[in-house]
Amino acid sequence: MTSEKIGYIYIMASEVAGTLYVGVTSDLLTRVFQHKNKTYAGFTKDHDVDRLVYYEACGDMEHAIIREKVIKKWRRKWKIALIEKDSPKWADLFPSLMKAEHGIQ
């Protein structure tokens, strides 16, 4: 029996109401760290998109990829509403994610 990796979708932003990027990964902490440190080449590095403003666990990677494709097709205002539902000030969620992953209070 193989263990399925948990899949995550996430949204990165350049600033409040700035450029948005929707991504998918099985290792959220590492992927966001790569975006923040500009070691993950591509759109986010080129457009200085380094603020984690939204994420959700989607079970396995198959479901995460499906969810990512759906959200990528959304209108910008729908993505903004999703972000602002839980984070109206567009807080960078990376510090709290790091604390949670490492059991720090």
PDB file of N, CA and C in Angstrom:
ATOM      1  N   MET A   1       0.834  -1.181   0.000  1.00  0.00           N
ATOM      2  CA  MET A   1       0.000   0.000   0.000  1.00  0.00           C
ATOM      3  C   MET A   1       0.878   1.243   0.000  1.00  0.00           C
ATOM      4  N   THR A   2       0.628   2.159  -0.930  1.00  0.00           N
ATOM      5  CA  THR A   2       1.406   3.391  -0.991  1.00  0.00           C
ATOM      6  C   THR A   2       0.639   4.516  -0.305  1.00  0.00           C
ATOM      7  N   SER A   3       1.384   5.413   0.309  1.00  0.00           N
ATOM      8  CA  SER A   3       0.719   6.547   0.951  1.00  0.00           C
ATOM      9  C   SER A   3       0.670   7.714  -0.033  1.00  0.00           C
ATOM     10  N   GLU A   4      -0.507   8.253  -0.183  1.00  0.00           N
ATOM     11  CA  GLU A   4      -0.702   9.408  -1.052  1.00  0.00           C
ATOM     12  C   GLU A   4      -0.201  10.658  -0.368  1.00  0.00           C
ATOM     13  N   LYS A   5       0.462  11.512  -1.111  1.00  0.00           N
ATOM     14  CA  LYS A   5       0.885  12.792  -0.562  1.00  0.00           C
ATOM     15  C   LYS A   5      -0.313  13.726  -0.503  1.00  0.00           C
ATOM     16  N   ILE A   6      -0.356  14.537   0.534  1.00  0.00           N
ATOM     17  CA  ILE A   6      -1.394  15.555   0.631  1.00  0.00           C
ATOM     18  C   ILE A   6      -1.078  16.634  -0.397  1.00  0.00           C
ATOM     19  N   GLY A   7      -2.096  17.076  -1.100  1.00  0.00           N
ATOM     20  CA  GLY A   7      -1.928  18.147  -2.066  1.00  0.00           C
ATOM     21  C   GLY A   7      -2.454  19.464  -1.510  1.00  0.00           C
ATOM     22  N   TYR A   8      -1.779  20.528  -1.841  1.00  0.00           N
ATOM     23  CA  TYR A   8      -2.189  21.861  -1.412  1.00  0.00           C
ATOM     24  C   TYR A   8      -2.301  22.770  -2.620  1.00  0.00           C
ATOM     25  N   ILE A   9      -3.298  23.623  -2.600  1.00  0.00           N
ATOM     26  CA  ILE A   9      -3.309  24.742  -3.546  1.00  0.00           C
ATOM     27  C   ILE A   9      -2.973  25.959  -2.720  1.00  0.00           C
ATOM     28  N   TYR A  10      -2.363  26.921  -3.369  1.00  0.00           N
ATOM     29  CA  TYR A  10      -1.972  28.125  -2.649  1.00  0.00           C
ATOM     30  C   TYR A  10      -2.029  29.325  -3.584  1.00  0.00           C
ATOM     31  N   ILE A  11      -2.166  30.497  -2.971  1.00  0.00           N
ATOM     32  CA  ILE A  11      -2.141  31.739  -3.732  1.00  0.00           C
ATOM     33  C   ILE A  11      -1.064  32.624  -3.139  1.00  0.00           C
ATOM     34  N   MET A  12      -0.193  33.096  -3.998  1.00  0.00           N
ATOM     35  CA  MET A  12       0.861  34.037  -3.634  1.00  0.00           C
ATOM     36  C   MET A  12       0.489  35.393  -4.232  1.00  0.00           C
ATOM     37  N   ALA A  13       0.928  36.469  -3.589  1.00  0.00           N
ATOM     38  CA  ALA A  13       0.678  37.823  -4.081  1.00  0.00           C
ATOM     39  C   ALA A  13       1.959  38.640  -3.975  1.00  0.00           C
ATOM     40  N   SER A  14       2.053  39.664  -4.825  1.00  0.00           N
ATOM     41  CA  SER A  14       3.208  40.558  -4.767  1.00  0.00           C
ATOM     42  C   SER A  14       3.033  41.582  -3.649  1.00  0.00           C
ATOM     43  N   GLU A  15       1.782  41.944  -3.376  1.00  0.00           N
ATOM     44  CA  GLU A  15       1.425  42.918  -2.344  1.00  0.00           C
ATOM     45  C   GLU A  15      -0.083  42.853  -2.178  1.00  0.00           C
ATOM     46  N   VAL A  16      -0.644  43.656  -1.300  1.00  0.00           N
ATOM     47  CA  VAL A  16      -2.097  43.693  -1.135  1.00  0.00           C
ATOM     48  C   VAL A  16      -2.719  44.075  -2.471  1.00  0.00           C
ATOM     49  N   ALA A  17      -3.638  43.243  -2.945  1.00  0.00           N
ATOM     50  CA  ALA A  17      -4.329  43.449  -4.229  1.00  0.00           C
ATOM     51  C   ALA A  17      -3.372  43.525  -5.415  1.00  0.00           C
ATOM     52  N   GLY A  18      -2.194  42.933  -5.267  1.00  0.00           N
ATOM     53  CA  GLY A  18      -1.197  42.961  -6.333  1.00  0.00           C
ATOM     54  C   GLY A  18      -1.326  41.773  -7.282  1.00  0.00           C
ATOM     55  N   THR A  19      -0.216  41.452  -7.918  1.00  0.00           N
ATOM     56  CA  THR A  19      -0.151  40.328  -8.839  1.00  0.00           C
ATOM     57  C   THR A  19      -0.377  39.033  -8.069  1.00  0.00           C
ATOM     58  N   LEU A  20      -1.205  38.153  -8.637  1.00  0.00           N
ATOM     59  CA  LEU A  20      -1.543  36.885  -7.994  1.00  0.00           C
ATOM     60  C   LEU A  20      -0.964  35.704  -8.762  1.00  0.00           C
ATOM     61  N   TYR A  21      -0.651  34.652  -8.018  1.00  0.00           N
ATOM     62  CA  TYR A  21      -0.196  33.388  -8.599  1.00  0.00           C
ATOM     63  C   TYR A  21      -0.884  32.258  -7.858  1.00  0.00           C
ATOM     64  N   VAL A  22      -1.485  31.344  -8.588  1.00  0.00           N
ATOM     65  CA  VAL A  22      -2.121  30.159  -8.008  1.00  0.00           C
ATOM     66  C   VAL A  22      -1.245  28.952  -8.336  1.00  0.00           C
ATOM     67  N   GLY A  23      -0.895  28.193  -7.306  1.00  0.00           N
ATOM     68  CA  GLY A  23      -0.035  27.039  -7.511  1.00  0.00           C
ATOM     69  C   GLY A  23      -0.534  25.813  -6.769  1.00  0.00           C
ATOM     70  N   VAL A  24       0.144  24.704  -7.004  1.00  0.00           N
ATOM     71  CA  VAL A  24      -0.178  23.425  -6.360  1.00  0.00           C
ATOM     72  C   VAL A  24       1.135  22.759  -5.962  1.00  0.00           C
ATOM     73  N   THR A  25       1.114  22.069  -4.820  1.00  0.00           N
ATOM     74  CA  THR A  25       2.321  21.397  -4.344  1.00  0.00           C
ATOM     75  C   THR A  25       1.958  20.319  -3.335  1.00  0.00           C
ATOM     76  N   SER A  26       2.876  19.408  -3.116  1.00  0.00           N
ATOM     77  CA  SER A  26       2.704  18.421  -2.058  1.00  0.00           C
ATOM     78  C   SER A  26       3.529  18.806  -0.827  1.00  0.00           C
ATOM     79  N   ASP A  27       4.339  19.851  -0.944  1.00  0.00           N
ATOM     80  CA  ASP A  27       5.173  20.318   0.170  1.00  0.00           C
ATOM     81  C   ASP A  27       5.066  21.845   0.242  1.00  0.00           C
ATOM     82  N   LEU A  28       4.023  22.308   0.896  1.00  0.00           N
ATOM     83  CA  LEU A  28       3.707  23.737   0.916  1.00  0.00           C
ATOM     84  C   LEU A  28       4.822  24.572   1.535  1.00  0.00           C
ATOM     85  N   LEU A  29       5.347  24.154   2.648  1.00  0.00           N
ATOM     86  CA  LEU A  29       6.374  24.921   3.343  1.00  0.00           C
ATOM     87  C   LEU A  29       7.602  25.129   2.457  1.00  0.00           C
ATOM     88  N   THR A  30       8.074  24.056   1.856  1.00  0.00           N
ATOM     89  CA  THR A  30       9.247  24.148   0.979  1.00  0.00           C
ATOM     90  C   THR A  30       8.962  25.006  -0.242  1.00  0.00           C
ATOM     91  N   ARG A  31       7.801  24.817  -0.864  1.00  0.00           N
ATOM     92  CA  ARG A  31       7.498  25.576  -2.075  1.00  0.00           C
ATOM     93  C   ARG A  31       7.405  27.074  -1.795  1.00  0.00           C
ATOM     94  N   VAL A  32       6.748  27.454  -0.713  1.00  0.00           N
ATOM     95  CA  VAL A  32       6.641  28.881  -0.386  1.00  0.00           C
ATOM     96  C   VAL A  32       8.017  29.442  -0.054  1.00  0.00           C
ATOM     97  N   PHE A  33       8.824  28.678   0.664  1.00  0.00           N
ATOM     98  CA  PHE A  33      10.190  29.096   0.959  1.00  0.00           C
ATOM     99  C   PHE A  33      10.950  29.366  -0.346  1.00  0.00           C
ATOM    100  N   GLN A  34      10.774  28.509  -1.336  1.00  0.00           N
ATOM    101  CA  GLN A  34      11.432  28.705  -2.635  1.00  0.00           C
ATOM    102  C   GLN A  34      10.959  29.998  -3.298  1.00  0.00           C
ATOM    103  N   HIS A  35       9.652  30.250  -3.259  1.00  0.00           N
ATOM    104  CA  HIS A  35       9.126  31.493  -3.848  1.00  0.00           C
ATOM    105  C   HIS A  35       9.703  32.706  -3.119  1.00  0.00           C
ATOM    106  N   LYS A  36       9.709  32.663  -1.803  1.00  0.00           N
ATOM    107  CA  LYS A  36      10.182  33.794  -1.006  1.00  0.00           C
ATOM    108  C   LYS A  36      11.663  34.081  -1.238  1.00  0.00           C
ATOM    109  N   ASN A  37      12.435  33.053  -1.457  1.00  0.00           N
ATOM    110  CA  ASN A  37      13.877  33.212  -1.639  1.00  0.00           C
ATOM    111  C   ASN A  37      14.295  33.255  -3.113  1.00  0.00           C
ATOM    112  N   LYS A  38      13.302  33.311  -3.984  1.00  0.00           N
ATOM    113  CA  LYS A  38      13.529  33.451  -5.433  1.00  0.00           C
ATOM    114  C   LYS A  38      14.369  32.308  -6.009  1.00  0.00           C
ATOM    115  N   THR A  39      14.256  31.114  -5.402  1.00  0.00           N
ATOM    116  CA  THR A  39      14.974  29.953  -5.924  1.00  0.00           C
ATOM    117  C   THR A  39      14.085  29.113  -6.826  1.00  0.00           C
ATOM    118  N   TYR A  40      12.817  29.481  -6.913  1.00  0.00           N
ATOM    119  CA  TYR A  40      11.859  28.781  -7.781  1.00  0.00           C
ATOM    120  C   TYR A  40      11.656  29.658  -9.008  1.00  0.00           C
ATOM    121  N   ALA A  41      12.324  29.317 -10.084  1.00  0.00           N
ATOM    122  CA  ALA A  41      12.315  30.146 -11.289  1.00  0.00           C
ATOM    123  C   ALA A  41      10.924  30.211 -11.916  1.00  0.00           C
ATOM    124  N   GLY A  42      10.641  31.319 -12.546  1.00  0.00           N
ATOM    125  CA  GLY A  42       9.392  31.459 -13.273  1.00  0.00           C
ATOM    126  C   GLY A  42       8.650  32.731 -12.921  1.00  0.00           C
ATOM    127  N   PHE A  43       7.345  32.665 -13.060  1.00  0.00           N
ATOM    128  CA  PHE A  43       6.471  33.829 -12.912  1.00  0.00           C
ATOM    129  C   PHE A  43       6.659  34.544 -11.576  1.00  0.00           C
ATOM    130  N   THR A  44       6.641  33.799 -10.475  1.00  0.00           N
ATOM    131  CA  THR A  44       6.705  34.444  -9.161  1.00  0.00           C
ATOM    132  C   THR A  44       8.039  35.155  -8.949  1.00  0.00           C
ATOM    133  N   LYS A  45       9.097  34.576  -9.419  1.00  0.00           N
ATOM    134  CA  LYS A  45      10.414  35.225  -9.313  1.00  0.00           C
ATOM    135  C   LYS A  45      10.465  36.461 -10.195  1.00  0.00           C
ATOM    136  N   ASP A  46       9.981  36.334 -11.408  1.00  0.00           N
ATOM    137  CA  ASP A  46      10.017  37.449 -12.366  1.00  0.00           C
ATOM    138  C   ASP A  46       9.147  38.629 -11.935  1.00  0.00           C
ATOM    139  N   HIS A  47       8.056  38.356 -11.206  1.00  0.00           N
ATOM    140  CA  HIS A  47       7.101  39.406 -10.834  1.00  0.00           C
ATOM    141  C   HIS A  47       7.104  39.719  -9.335  1.00  0.00           C
ATOM    142  N   ASP A  48       8.120  39.240  -8.623  1.00  0.00           N
ATOM    143  CA  ASP A  48       8.286  39.507  -7.189  1.00  0.00           C
ATOM    144  C   ASP A  48       7.042  39.129  -6.378  1.00  0.00           C
ATOM    145  N   VAL A  49       6.511  37.961  -6.671  1.00  0.00           N
ATOM    146  CA  VAL A  49       5.319  37.444  -5.986  1.00  0.00           C
ATOM    147  C   VAL A  49       5.809  36.508  -4.876  1.00  0.00           C
ATOM    148  N   ASP A  50       5.793  37.006  -3.632  1.00  0.00           N
ATOM    149  CA  ASP A  50       6.404  36.234  -2.558  1.00  0.00           C
ATOM    150  C   ASP A  50       5.623  36.247  -1.238  1.00  0.00           C
ATOM    151  N   ARG A  51       4.361  36.628  -1.269  1.00  0.00           N
ATOM    152  CA  ARG A  51       3.534  36.675  -0.063  1.00  0.00           C
ATOM    153  C   ARG A  51       2.476  35.580  -0.143  1.00  0.00           C
ATOM    154  N   LEU A  52       2.518  34.619   0.789  1.00  0.00           N
ATOM    155  CA  LEU A  52       1.504  33.565   0.841  1.00  0.00           C
ATOM    156  C   LEU A  52       0.238  34.163   1.450  1.00  0.00           C
ATOM    157  N   VAL A  53      -0.821  34.269   0.651  1.00  0.00           N
ATOM    158  CA  VAL A  53      -2.042  34.908   1.140  1.00  0.00           C
ATOM    159  C   VAL A  53      -3.216  33.934   1.290  1.00  0.00           C
ATOM    160  N   TYR A  54      -3.071  32.724   0.765  1.00  0.00           N
ATOM    161  CA  TYR A  54      -4.143  31.732   0.886  1.00  0.00           C
ATOM    162  C   TYR A  54      -3.572  30.346   0.608  1.00  0.00           C
ATOM    163  N   TYR A  55      -4.088  29.356   1.330  1.00  0.00           N
ATOM    164  CA  TYR A  55      -3.776  27.956   0.988  1.00  0.00           C
ATOM    165  C   TYR A  55      -4.874  27.064   1.539  1.00  0.00           C
ATOM    166  N   GLU A  56      -4.983  25.896   0.945  1.00  0.00           N
ATOM    167  CA  GLU A  56      -5.913  24.894   1.449  1.00  0.00           C
ATOM    168  C   GLU A  56      -5.392  23.500   1.106  1.00  0.00           C
ATOM    169  N   ALA A  57      -5.617  22.575   2.024  1.00  0.00           N
ATOM    170  CA  ALA A  57      -5.288  21.172   1.785  1.00  0.00           C
ATOM    171  C   ALA A  57      -6.433  20.561   0.997  1.00  0.00           C
ATOM    172  N   CYS A  58      -6.095  19.756   0.011  1.00  0.00           N
ATOM    173  CA  CYS A  58      -7.113  19.195  -0.886  1.00  0.00           C
ATOM    174  C   CYS A  58      -7.092  17.673  -0.903  1.00  0.00           C
ATOM    175  N   GLY A  59      -6.671  17.061   0.167  1.00  0.00           N
ATOM    176  CA  GLY A  59      -6.590  15.601   0.169  1.00  0.00           C
ATOM    177  C   GLY A  59      -5.353  15.163  -0.576  1.00  0.00           C
ATOM    178  N   ASP A  60      -5.520  14.487  -1.694  1.00  0.00           N
ATOM    179  CA  ASP A  60      -4.373  14.016  -2.464  1.00  0.00           C
ATOM    180  C   ASP A  60      -4.028  14.993  -3.592  1.00  0.00           C
ATOM    181  N   MET A  61      -2.919  14.712  -4.269  1.00  0.00           N
ATOM    182  CA  MET A  61      -2.449  15.603  -5.332  1.00  0.00           C
ATOM    183  C   MET A  61      -3.426  15.681  -6.502  1.00  0.00           C
ATOM    184  N   GLU A  62      -4.099  14.587  -6.807  1.00  0.00           N
ATOM    185  CA  GLU A  62      -5.058  14.602  -7.913  1.00  0.00           C
ATOM    186  C   GLU A  62      -6.152  15.650  -7.666  1.00  0.00           C
ATOM    187  N   HIS A  63      -6.685  15.667  -6.440  1.00  0.00           N
ATOM    188  CA  HIS A  63      -7.727  16.639  -6.113  1.00  0.00           C
ATOM    189  C   HIS A  63      -7.167  18.064  -6.051  1.00  0.00           C
ATOM    190  N   ALA A  64      -5.933  18.200  -5.599  1.00  0.00           N
ATOM    191  CA  ALA A  64      -5.303  19.518  -5.546  1.00  0.00           C
ATOM    192  C   ALA A  64      -5.118  20.089  -6.949  1.00  0.00           C
ATOM    193  N   ILE A  65      -4.707  19.267  -7.880  1.00  0.00           N
ATOM    194  CA  ILE A  65      -4.513  19.719  -9.270  1.00  0.00           C
ATOM    195  C   ILE A  65      -5.841  20.136  -9.880  1.00  0.00           C
ATOM    196  N   ILE A  66      -6.879  19.381  -9.624  1.00  0.00           N
ATOM    197  CA  ILE A  66      -8.215  19.733 -10.126  1.00  0.00           C
ATOM    198  C   ILE A  66      -8.648  21.079  -9.541  1.00  0.00           C
ATOM    199  N   ARG A  67      -8.478  21.247  -8.227  1.00  0.00           N
ATOM    200  CA  ARG A  67      -8.868  22.493  -7.563  1.00  0.00           C
ATOM    201  C   ARG A  67      -8.054  23.675  -8.091  1.00  0.00           C
ATOM    202  N   GLU A  68      -6.761  23.465  -8.309  1.00  0.00           N
ATOM    203  CA  GLU A  68      -5.908  24.533  -8.852  1.00  0.00           C
ATOM    204  C   GLU A  68      -6.424  24.981 -10.225  1.00  0.00           C
ATOM    205  N   LYS A  69      -6.750  24.033 -11.083  1.00  0.00           N
ATOM    206  CA  LYS A  69      -7.241  24.373 -12.419  1.00  0.00           C
ATOM    207  C   LYS A  69      -8.532  25.160 -12.350  1.00  0.00           C
ATOM    208  N   VAL A  70      -9.402  24.800 -11.408  1.00  0.00           N
ATOM    209  CA  VAL A  70     -10.667  25.520 -11.237  1.00  0.00           C
ATOM    210  C   VAL A  70     -10.396  26.962 -10.807  1.00  0.00           C
ATOM    211  N   ILE A  71      -9.569  27.131  -9.776  1.00  0.00           N
ATOM    212  CA  ILE A  71      -9.299  28.475  -9.253  1.00  0.00           C
ATOM    213  C   ILE A  71      -8.569  29.333 -10.288  1.00  0.00           C
ATOM    214  N   LYS A  72      -7.669  28.745 -11.047  1.00  0.00           N
ATOM    215  CA  LYS A  72      -6.959  29.515 -12.078  1.00  0.00           C
ATOM    216  C   LYS A  72      -7.919  30.096 -13.117  1.00  0.00           C
ATOM    217  N   LYS A  73      -9.051  29.435 -13.338  1.00  0.00           N
ATOM    218  CA  LYS A  73     -10.029  29.927 -14.314  1.00  0.00           C
ATOM    219  C   LYS A  73     -10.950  30.994 -13.734  1.00  0.00           C
ATOM    220  N   TRP A  74     -10.944  31.146 -12.410  1.00  0.00           N
ATOM    221  CA  TRP A  74     -11.804  32.141 -11.769  1.00  0.00           C
ATOM    222  C   TRP A  74     -11.437  33.554 -12.187  1.00  0.00           C
ATOM    223  N   ARG A  75     -12.426  34.420 -12.112  1.00  0.00           N
ATOM    224  CA  ARG A  75     -12.178  35.847 -12.279  1.00  0.00           C
ATOM    225  C   ARG A  75     -11.325  36.331 -11.118  1.00  0.00           C
ATOM    226  N   ARG A  76     -10.561  37.377 -11.358  1.00  0.00           N
ATOM    227  CA  ARG A  76      -9.684  37.941 -10.331  1.00  0.00           C
ATOM    228  C   ARG A  76     -10.469  38.303  -9.066  1.00  0.00           C
ATOM    229  N   LYS A  77     -11.643  38.908  -9.235  1.00  0.00           N
ATOM    230  CA  LYS A  77     -12.405  39.345  -8.060  1.00  0.00           C
ATOM    231  C   LYS A  77     -12.844  38.155  -7.202  1.00  0.00           C
ATOM    232  N   TRP A  78     -13.052  36.992  -7.798  1.00  0.00           N
ATOM    233  CA  TRP A  78     -13.407  35.799  -7.028  1.00  0.00           C
ATOM    234  C   TRP A  78     -12.202  35.326  -6.205  1.00  0.00           C
ATOM    235  N   LYS A  79     -11.008  35.396  -6.803  1.00  0.00           N
ATOM    236  CA  LYS A  79      -9.790  35.021  -6.077  1.00  0.00           C
ATOM    237  C   LYS A  79      -9.565  35.975  -4.904  1.00  0.00           C
ATOM    238  N   ILE A  80      -9.773  37.251  -5.148  1.00  0.00           N
ATOM    239  CA  ILE A  80      -9.616  38.249  -4.086  1.00  0.00           C
ATOM    240  C   ILE A  80     -10.618  37.987  -2.964  1.00  0.00           C
ATOM    241  N   ALA A  81     -11.843  37.660  -3.308  1.00  0.00           N
ATOM    242  CA  ALA A  81     -12.856  37.347  -2.291  1.00  0.00           C
ATOM    243  C   ALA A  81     -12.442  36.128  -1.467  1.00  0.00           C
ATOM    244  N   LEU A  82     -11.862  35.120  -2.109  1.00  0.00           N
ATOM    245  CA  LEU A  82     -11.397  33.928  -1.407  1.00  0.00           C
ATOM    246  C   LEU A  82     -10.296  34.301  -0.402  1.00  0.00           C
ATOM    247  N   ILE A  83      -9.364  35.127  -0.823  1.00  0.00           N
ATOM    248  CA  ILE A  83      -8.278  35.574   0.054  1.00  0.00           C
ATOM    249  C   ILE A  83      -8.837  36.380   1.223  1.00  0.00           C
ATOM    250  N   GLU A  84      -9.698  37.347   0.911  1.00  0.00           N
ATOM    251  CA  GLU A  84     -10.171  38.287   1.926  1.00  0.00           C
ATOM    252  C   GLU A  84     -11.195  37.689   2.887  1.00  0.00           C
ATOM    253  N   LYS A  85     -11.747  36.537   2.535  1.00  0.00           N
ATOM    254  CA  LYS A  85     -12.680  35.864   3.437  1.00  0.00           C
ATOM    255  C   LYS A  85     -12.009  35.559   4.776  1.00  0.00           C
ATOM    256  N   ASP A  86     -10.771  35.099   4.736  1.00  0.00           N
ATOM    257  CA  ASP A  86     -10.035  34.759   5.952  1.00  0.00           C
ATOM    258  C   ASP A  86      -8.928  35.752   6.301  1.00  0.00           C
ATOM    259  N   SER A  87      -8.531  36.572   5.345  1.00  0.00           N
ATOM    260  CA  SER A  87      -7.419  37.491   5.579  1.00  0.00           C
ATOM    261  C   SER A  87      -7.674  38.827   4.879  1.00  0.00           C
ATOM    262  N   PRO A  88      -8.566  39.649   5.443  1.00  0.00           N
ATOM    263  CA  PRO A  88      -8.923  40.909   4.785  1.00  0.00           C
ATOM    264  C   PRO A  88      -7.747  41.866   4.586  1.00  0.00           C
ATOM    265  N   LYS A  89      -6.687  41.696   5.380  1.00  0.00           N
ATOM    266  CA  LYS A  89      -5.516  42.571   5.248  1.00  0.00           C
ATOM    267  C   LYS A  89      -4.387  41.915   4.455  1.00  0.00           C
ATOM    268  N   TRP A  90      -4.682  40.758   3.877  1.00  0.00           N
ATOM    269  CA  TRP A  90      -3.722  40.033   3.042  1.00  0.00           C
ATOM    270  C   TRP A  90      -2.435  39.713   3.815  1.00  0.00           C
ATOM    271  N   ALA A  91      -2.588  39.253   5.037  1.00  0.00           N
ATOM    272  CA  ALA A  91      -1.419  38.896   5.850  1.00  0.00           C
ATOM    273  C   ALA A  91      -0.616  37.797   5.165  1.00  0.00           C
ATOM    274  N   ASP A  92       0.689  37.861   5.324  1.00  0.00           N
ATOM    275  CA  ASP A  92       1.550  36.789   4.831  1.00  0.00           C
ATOM    276  C   ASP A  92       1.392  35.617   5.793  1.00  0.00           C
ATOM    277  N   LEU A  93       0.892  34.502   5.305  1.00  0.00           N
ATOM    278  CA  LEU A  93       0.598  33.336   6.135  1.00  0.00           C
ATOM    279  C   LEU A  93       1.814  32.449   6.394  1.00  0.00           C
ATOM    280  N   PHE A  94       2.919  32.739   5.746  1.00  0.00           N
ATOM    281  CA  PHE A  94       4.105  31.891   5.865  1.00  0.00           C
ATOM    282  C   PHE A  94       4.623  31.795   7.303  1.00  0.00           C
ATOM    283  N   PRO A  95       4.759  32.902   8.049  1.00  0.00           N
ATOM    284  CA  PRO A  95       5.262  32.768   9.425  1.00  0.00           C
ATOM    285  C   PRO A  95       4.402  31.851  10.297  1.00  0.00           C
ATOM    286  N   SER A  96       3.083  31.974  10.209  1.00  0.00           N
ATOM    287  CA  SER A  96       2.228  31.108  11.025  1.00  0.00           C
ATOM    288  C   SER A  96       2.280  29.661  10.534  1.00  0.00           C
ATOM    289  N   LEU A  97       2.439  29.460   9.238  1.00  0.00           N
ATOM    290  CA  LEU A  97       2.592  28.110   8.693  1.00  0.00           C
ATOM    291  C   LEU A  97       3.880  27.475   9.214  1.00  0.00           C
ATOM    292  N   MET A  98       4.960  28.238   9.235  1.00  0.00           N
ATOM    293  CA  MET A  98       6.242  27.744   9.756  1.00  0.00           C
ATOM    294  C   MET A  98       6.104  27.344  11.215  1.00  0.00           C
ATOM    295  N   LYS A  99       5.463  28.187  11.998  1.00  0.00           N
ATOM    296  CA  LYS A  99       5.282  27.891  13.422  1.00  0.00           C
ATOM    297  C   LYS A  99       4.454  26.617  13.601  1.00  0.00           C
ATOM    298  N   ALA A 100       3.389  26.496  12.846  1.00  0.00           N
ATOM    299  CA  ALA A 100       2.518  25.319  12.948  1.00  0.00           C
ATOM    300  C   ALA A 100       3.258  24.046  12.542  1.00  0.00           C
ATOM    301  N   GLU A 101       4.025  24.119  11.478  1.00  0.00           N
ATOM    302  CA  GLU A 101       4.747  22.943  10.982  1.00  0.00           C
ATOM    303  C   GLU A 101       5.829  22.490  11.956  1.00  0.00           C
ATOM    304  N   HIS A 102       6.384  23.445  12.698  1.00  0.00           N
ATOM    305  CA  HIS A 102       7.474  23.126  13.613  1.00  0.00           C
ATOM    306  C   HIS A 102       7.045  23.085  15.074  1.00  0.00           C
ATOM    307  N   GLY A 103       5.730  23.184  15.313  1.00  0.00           N
ATOM    308  CA  GLY A 103       5.195  23.089  16.663  1.00  0.00           C
ATOM    309  C   GLY A 103       5.580  24.242  17.566  1.00  0.00           C
ATOM    310  N   ILE A 104       5.815  25.409  16.990  1.00  0.00           N
ATOM    311  CA  ILE A 104       6.208  26.597  17.761  1.00  0.00           C
ATOM    312  C   ILE A 104       4.950  27.393  18.086  1.00  0.00           C
ATOM    313  N   GLN A 105       4.901  27.919  19.303  1.00  0.00           N
ATOM    314  CA  GLN A 105       3.726  28.733  19.686  1.00  0.00           C
ATOM    315  C   GLN A 105       4.078  30.188  19.721  1.00  0.00           C
TER     316      GLN A 105
END
